[in-house]
């Protein structure tokens, strides 16, 4: 199964929503370990656009060398206007705030259940909460038309 990952608001969050400073979300490295072990992982972020090293460069001020080495294993995607252009195959998509068009696209194509909302700007520990949900989907699957 493919796992598409956003950066801002997913891997990069805030310890306090009122703070202007960003940091790697709580549990990010454990989440990445989990994701890399169980999914084919792809970047789906405006920081990639076909260039995975650009994402690593963007995250370098926030992540240590161990995490950066793991993040380098995530593959690039590209899209012109909407992230949904890059979605394909049997996938899950982790993003904090898809556009209205992207949500409509998912809903109109029976794929809204494939979007996993995470916003680590407002809930710093949200990545850890996502792991059990992803494990359940991997274990039981889900109806492609739900």
Foldseek 3Di string as FASTA:
>chain_A
DEEEEEPAQAQWADPALVDPDIAGFPCNQVLLVLDVVPHQYEYQYPQFQPNQVSVLVVCVVHDDPVSSVSSSSHGYFHDDPASVVGDDDPAAYEDADGDPVVCVVCVVQQRNVSYDHGGCHHVRHRSVVCSVVVVVCVVPNDDSND
